[in-house]
Amino acid sequence: MRLFPIFSVKFNRSQAMILERIKEYIDCKGITIAAFERSIGMSNASFGKSLKKQGSNRF
């Protein structure tokens, strides 16, 4: 069972919107992606990698 289904290889439109909103939140708070990942207990670079994948799968 996947804990974070939004971090799959392919992104649909709603998943991409979720990632964009989380990125906006991180930018607004002025923290790094790594700090965000640590604060929510994610593994190192997992969210950052998802952002890169999402960027290459733009609609």
PDB file of N, CA and C in Angstrom:
ATOM      1  N   MET A   1       0.842  -1.184   0.000  1.00  0.00           N
ATOM      2  CA  MET A   1       0.000   0.000   0.000  1.00  0.00           C
ATOM      3  C   MET A   1       0.882   1.239   0.000  1.00  0.00           C
ATOM      4  N   ARG A   2       0.581   2.183  -0.860  1.00  0.00           N
ATOM      5  CA  ARG A   2       1.346   3.435  -0.925  1.00  0.00           C
ATOM      6  C   ARG A   2       0.824   4.438   0.083  1.00  0.00           C
ATOM      7  N   LEU A   3       1.733   5.052   0.810  1.00  0.00           N
ATOM      8  CA  LEU A   3       1.337   6.078   1.766  1.00  0.00           C
ATOM      9  C   LEU A   3       1.087   7.413   1.087  1.00  0.00           C
ATOM     10  N   PHE A   4       1.845   7.709   0.035  1.00  0.00           N
ATOM     11  CA  PHE A   4       1.725   8.973  -0.660  1.00  0.00           C
ATOM     12  C   PHE A   4       1.443   8.713  -2.137  1.00  0.00           C
ATOM     13  N   PRO A   5       0.193   8.429  -2.492  1.00  0.00           N
ATOM     14  CA  PRO A   5      -0.104   8.123  -3.897  1.00  0.00           C
ATOM     15  C   PRO A   5       0.133   9.290  -4.840  1.00  0.00           C
ATOM     16  N   ILE A   6       0.264  10.523  -4.332  1.00  0.00           N
ATOM     17  CA  ILE A   6       0.500  11.650  -5.236  1.00  0.00           C
ATOM     18  C   ILE A   6       1.918  11.650  -5.782  1.00  0.00           C
ATOM     19  N   PHE A   7       2.787  10.805  -5.232  1.00  0.00           N
ATOM     20  CA  PHE A   7       4.164  10.770  -5.672  1.00  0.00           C
ATOM     21  C   PHE A   7       4.431   9.600  -6.617  1.00  0.00           C
ATOM     22  N   SER A   8       3.480   9.326  -7.483  1.00  0.00           N
ATOM     23  CA  SER A   8       3.664   8.267  -8.468  1.00  0.00           C
ATOM     24  C   SER A   8       4.426   8.824  -9.671  1.00  0.00           C
ATOM     25  N   VAL A   9       4.795   7.962 -10.596  1.00  0.00           N
ATOM     26  CA  VAL A   9       5.600   8.374 -11.743  1.00  0.00           C
ATOM     27  C   VAL A   9       4.832   9.303 -12.669  1.00  0.00           C
ATOM     28  N   LYS A  10       3.590   8.987 -12.977  1.00  0.00           N
ATOM     29  CA  LYS A  10       2.791   9.844 -13.844  1.00  0.00           C
ATOM     30  C   LYS A  10       1.843  10.678 -12.993  1.00  0.00           C
ATOM     31  N   PHE A  11       1.608  11.892 -13.433  1.00  0.00           N
ATOM     32  CA  PHE A  11       0.756  12.797 -12.678  1.00  0.00           C
ATOM     33  C   PHE A  11      -0.496  13.122 -13.473  1.00  0.00           C
ATOM     34  N   ASN A  12      -1.630  13.088 -12.794  1.00  0.00           N
ATOM     35  CA  ASN A  12      -2.814  13.609 -13.440  1.00  0.00           C
ATOM     36  C   ASN A  12      -2.966  15.072 -13.024  1.00  0.00           C
ATOM     37  N   ARG A  13      -3.943  15.735 -13.562  1.00  0.00           N
ATOM     38  CA  ARG A  13      -4.095  17.177 -13.340  1.00  0.00           C
ATOM     39  C   ARG A  13      -4.265  17.540 -11.862  1.00  0.00           C
ATOM     40  N   SER A  14      -5.071  16.781 -11.132  1.00  0.00           N
ATOM     41  CA  SER A  14      -5.296  17.116  -9.718  1.00  0.00           C
ATOM     42  C   SER A  14      -4.040  16.869  -8.883  1.00  0.00           C
ATOM     43  N   GLN A  15      -3.277  15.829  -9.208  1.00  0.00           N
ATOM     44  CA  GLN A  15      -2.035  15.574  -8.490  1.00  0.00           C
ATOM     45  C   GLN A  15      -1.027  16.689  -8.745  1.00  0.00           C
ATOM     46  N   ALA A  16      -0.961  17.152  -9.966  1.00  0.00           N
ATOM     47  CA  ALA A  16      -0.054  18.247 -10.296  1.00  0.00           C
ATOM     48  C   ALA A  16      -0.445  19.509  -9.537  1.00  0.00           C
ATOM     49  N   MET A  17      -1.745  19.761  -9.409  1.00  0.00           N
ATOM     50  CA  MET A  17      -2.208  20.941  -8.674  1.00  0.00           C
ATOM     51  C   MET A  17      -1.831  20.845  -7.199  1.00  0.00           C
ATOM     52  N   ILE A  18      -1.929  19.642  -6.636  1.00  0.00           N
ATOM     53  CA  ILE A  18      -1.566  19.448  -5.232  1.00  0.00           C
ATOM     54  C   ILE A  18      -0.088  19.749  -5.027  1.00  0.00           C
ATOM     55  N   LEU A  19       0.763  19.220  -5.903  1.00  0.00           N
ATOM     56  CA  LEU A  19       2.203  19.479  -5.795  1.00  0.00           C
ATOM     57  C   LEU A  19       2.509  20.965  -5.923  1.00  0.00           C
ATOM     58  N   GLU A  20       1.834  21.643  -6.845  1.00  0.00           N
ATOM     59  CA  GLU A  20       2.055  23.081  -7.021  1.00  0.00           C
ATOM     60  C   GLU A  20       1.646  23.861  -5.782  1.00  0.00           C
ATOM     61  N   ARG A  21       0.527  23.480  -5.172  1.00  0.00           N
ATOM     62  CA  ARG A  21       0.064  24.178  -3.970  1.00  0.00           C
ATOM     63  C   ARG A  21       1.025  23.950  -2.789  1.00  0.00           C
ATOM     64  N   ILE A  22       1.527  22.732  -2.656  1.00  0.00           N
ATOM     65  CA  ILE A  22       2.494  22.453  -1.595  1.00  0.00           C
ATOM     66  C   ILE A  22       3.760  23.269  -1.821  1.00  0.00           C
ATOM     67  N   LYS A  23       4.207  23.354  -3.066  1.00  0.00           N
ATOM     68  CA  LYS A  23       5.394  24.152  -3.399  1.00  0.00           C
ATOM     69  C   LYS A  23       5.155  25.622  -3.074  1.00  0.00           C
ATOM     70  N   GLU A  24       3.968  26.138  -3.375  1.00  0.00           N
ATOM     71  CA  GLU A  24       3.628  27.528  -3.027  1.00  0.00           C
ATOM     72  C   GLU A  24       3.694  27.735  -1.518  1.00  0.00           C
ATOM     73  N   TYR A  25       3.188  26.773  -0.757  1.00  0.00           N
ATOM     74  CA  TYR A  25       3.214  26.848   0.700  1.00  0.00           C
ATOM     75  C   TYR A  25       4.659  26.910   1.206  1.00  0.00           C
ATOM     76  N   ILE A  26       5.495  26.023   0.663  1.00  0.00           N
ATOM     77  CA  ILE A  26       6.910  25.991   1.059  1.00  0.00           C
ATOM     78  C   ILE A  26       7.574  27.329   0.754  1.00  0.00           C
ATOM     79  N   ASP A  27       7.324  27.869  -0.424  1.00  0.00           N
ATOM     80  CA  ASP A  27       7.902  29.166  -0.798  1.00  0.00           C
ATOM     81  C   ASP A  27       7.397  30.280   0.109  1.00  0.00           C
ATOM     82  N   CYS A  28       6.118  30.259   0.416  1.00  0.00           N
ATOM     83  CA  CYS A  28       5.513  31.287   1.272  1.00  0.00           C
ATOM     84  C   CYS A  28       6.119  31.253   2.677  1.00  0.00           C
ATOM     85  N   LYS A  29       6.352  30.056   3.188  1.00  0.00           N
ATOM     86  CA  LYS A  29       6.936  29.904   4.521  1.00  0.00           C
ATOM     87  C   LYS A  29       8.423  30.235   4.545  1.00  0.00           C
ATOM     88  N   GLY A  30       9.050  30.245   3.365  1.00  0.00           N
ATOM     89  CA  GLY A  30      10.470  30.578   3.293  1.00  0.00           C
ATOM     90  C   GLY A  30      11.378  29.463   3.779  1.00  0.00           C
ATOM     91  N   ILE A  31      10.919  28.226   3.649  1.00  0.00           N
ATOM     92  CA  ILE A  31      11.743  27.093   4.056  1.00  0.00           C
ATOM     93  C   ILE A  31      12.206  26.330   2.818  1.00  0.00           C
ATOM     94  N   THR A  32      13.194  25.484   3.006  1.00  0.00           N
ATOM     95  CA  THR A  32      13.671  24.679   1.887  1.00  0.00           C
ATOM     96  C   THR A  32      12.792  23.449   1.730  1.00  0.00           C
ATOM     97  N   ILE A  33      12.874  22.838   0.567  1.00  0.00           N
ATOM     98  CA  ILE A  33      12.132  21.597   0.336  1.00  0.00           C
ATOM     99  C   ILE A  33      12.618  20.525   1.299  1.00  0.00           C
ATOM    100  N   ALA A  34      13.927  20.483   1.529  1.00  0.00           N
ATOM    101  CA  ALA A  34      14.492  19.493   2.460  1.00  0.00           C
ATOM    102  C   ALA A  34      13.937  19.686   3.880  1.00  0.00           C
ATOM    103  N   ALA A  35      13.819  20.929   4.313  1.00  0.00           N
ATOM    104  CA  ALA A  35      13.273  21.204   5.645  1.00  0.00           C
ATOM    105  C   ALA A  35      11.815  20.778   5.732  1.00  0.00           C
ATOM    106  N   PHE A  36      11.063  21.018   4.669  1.00  0.00           N
ATOM    107  CA  PHE A  36       9.668  20.582   4.616  1.00  0.00           C
ATOM    108  C   PHE A  36       9.579  19.061   4.710  1.00  0.00           C
ATOM    109  N   GLU A  37      10.413  18.366   3.939  1.00  0.00           N
ATOM    110  CA  GLU A  37      10.408  16.902   3.953  1.00  0.00           C
ATOM    111  C   GLU A  37      10.711  16.369   5.354  1.00  0.00           C
ATOM    112  N   ARG A  38      11.706  16.955   6.014  1.00  0.00           N
ATOM    113  CA  ARG A  38      12.042  16.527   7.377  1.00  0.00           C
ATOM    114  C   ARG A  38      10.893  16.790   8.335  1.00  0.00           C
ATOM    115  N   SER A  39      10.235  17.936   8.182  1.00  0.00           N
ATOM    116  CA  SER A  39       9.178  18.302   9.126  1.00  0.00           C
ATOM    117  C   SER A  39       7.965  17.384   9.051  1.00  0.00           C
ATOM    118  N   ILE A  40       7.737  16.769   7.892  1.00  0.00           N
ATOM    119  CA  ILE A  40       6.585  15.867   7.776  1.00  0.00           C
ATOM    120  C   ILE A  40       6.996  14.399   7.764  1.00  0.00           C
ATOM    121  N   GLY A  41       8.285  14.133   7.942  1.00  0.00           N
ATOM    122  CA  GLY A  41       8.757  12.768   8.059  1.00  0.00           C
ATOM    123  C   GLY A  41       8.948  12.033   6.747  1.00  0.00           C
ATOM    124  N   MET A  42       9.107  12.770   5.660  1.00  0.00           N
ATOM    125  CA  MET A  42       9.358  12.129   4.367  1.00  0.00           C
ATOM    126  C   MET A  42      10.835  11.799   4.238  1.00  0.00           C
ATOM    127  N   SER A  43      11.119  10.854   3.354  1.00  0.00           N
ATOM    128  CA  SER A  43      12.520  10.529   3.104  1.00  0.00           C
ATOM    129  C   SER A  43      13.180  11.670   2.331  1.00  0.00           C
ATOM    130  N   ASN A  44      14.492  11.708   2.416  1.00  0.00           N
ATOM    131  CA  ASN A  44      15.267  12.777   1.814  1.00  0.00           C
ATOM    132  C   ASN A  44      15.053  12.851   0.299  1.00  0.00           C
ATOM    133  N   ALA A  45      14.725  14.004  -0.210  1.00  0.00           N
ATOM    134  CA  ALA A  45      14.567  14.327  -1.629  1.00  0.00           C
ATOM    135  C   ALA A  45      13.347  13.707  -2.298  1.00  0.00           C
ATOM    136  N   SER A  46      12.458  13.068  -1.568  1.00  0.00           N
ATOM    137  CA  SER A  46      11.305  12.437  -2.209  1.00  0.00           C
ATOM    138  C   SER A  46      10.345  13.472  -2.800  1.00  0.00           C
ATOM    139  N   PHE A  47      10.090  14.563  -2.095  1.00  0.00           N
ATOM    140  CA  PHE A  47       9.203  15.584  -2.637  1.00  0.00           C
ATOM    141  C   PHE A  47       9.882  16.354  -3.760  1.00  0.00           C
ATOM    142  N   GLY A  48      11.149  16.653  -3.589  1.00  0.00           N
ATOM    143  CA  GLY A  48      11.904  17.360  -4.627  1.00  0.00           C
ATOM    144  C   GLY A  48      11.929  16.584  -5.933  1.00  0.00           C
ATOM    145  N   LYS A  49      12.103  15.272  -5.849  1.00  0.00           N
ATOM    146  CA  LYS A  49      12.091  14.436  -7.052  1.00  0.00           C
ATOM    147  C   LYS A  49      10.718  14.461  -7.710  1.00  0.00           C
ATOM    148  N   SER A  50       9.672  14.469  -6.896  1.00  0.00           N
ATOM    149  CA  SER A  50       8.315  14.526  -7.444  1.00  0.00           C
ATOM    150  C   SER A  50       8.077  15.840  -8.183  1.00  0.00           C
ATOM    151  N   LEU A  51       8.608  16.925  -7.644  1.00  0.00           N
ATOM    152  CA  LEU A  51       8.472  18.212  -8.322  1.00  0.00           C
ATOM    153  C   LEU A  51       9.178  18.199  -9.673  1.00  0.00           C
ATOM    154  N   LYS A  52      10.350  17.578  -9.723  1.00  0.00           N
ATOM    155  CA  LYS A  52      11.085  17.500 -10.989  1.00  0.00           C
ATOM    156  C   LYS A  52      10.326  16.653 -11.999  1.00  0.00           C
ATOM    157  N   LYS A  53       9.776  15.525 -11.560  1.00  0.00           N
ATOM    158  CA  LYS A  53       8.997  14.661 -12.446  1.00  0.00           C
ATOM    159  C   LYS A  53       7.754  15.391 -12.931  1.00  0.00           C
ATOM    160  N   GLN A  54       7.100  16.099 -12.049  1.00  0.00           N
ATOM    161  CA  GLN A  54       5.887  16.841 -12.396  1.00  0.00           C
ATOM    162  C   GLN A  54       6.197  17.913 -13.413  1.00  0.00           C
ATOM    163  N   GLY A  55       7.352  18.546 -13.287  1.00  0.00           N
ATOM    164  CA  GLY A  55       7.751  19.587 -14.221  1.00  0.00           C
ATOM    165  C   GLY A  55       7.979  19.039 -15.612  1.00  0.00           C
ATOM    166  N   SER A  56       8.460  17.808 -15.710  1.00  0.00           N
ATOM    167  CA  SER A  56       8.699  17.216 -17.024  1.00  0.00           C
ATOM    168  C   SER A  56       7.432  16.617 -17.629  1.00  0.00           C
ATOM    169  N   ASN A  57       6.377  16.504 -16.843  1.00  0.00           N
ATOM    170  CA  ASN A  57       5.115  15.961 -17.327  1.00  0.00           C
ATOM    171  C   ASN A  57       4.036  17.032 -17.414  1.00  0.00           C
ATOM    172  N   ARG A  58       4.426  18.246 -17.716  1.00  0.00           N
ATOM    173  CA  ARG A  58       3.465  19.354 -17.803  1.00  0.00           C
ATOM    174  C   ARG A  58       2.380  19.061 -18.824  1.00  0.00           C
ATOM    175  N   PHE A  59       1.220  19.628 -18.583  1.00  0.00           N
ATOM    176  CA  PHE A  59       0.072  19.417 -19.480  1.00  0.00           C
ATOM    177  C   PHE A  59       0.062  20.431 -20.585  1.00  0.00           C
TER     178      PHE A  59
END
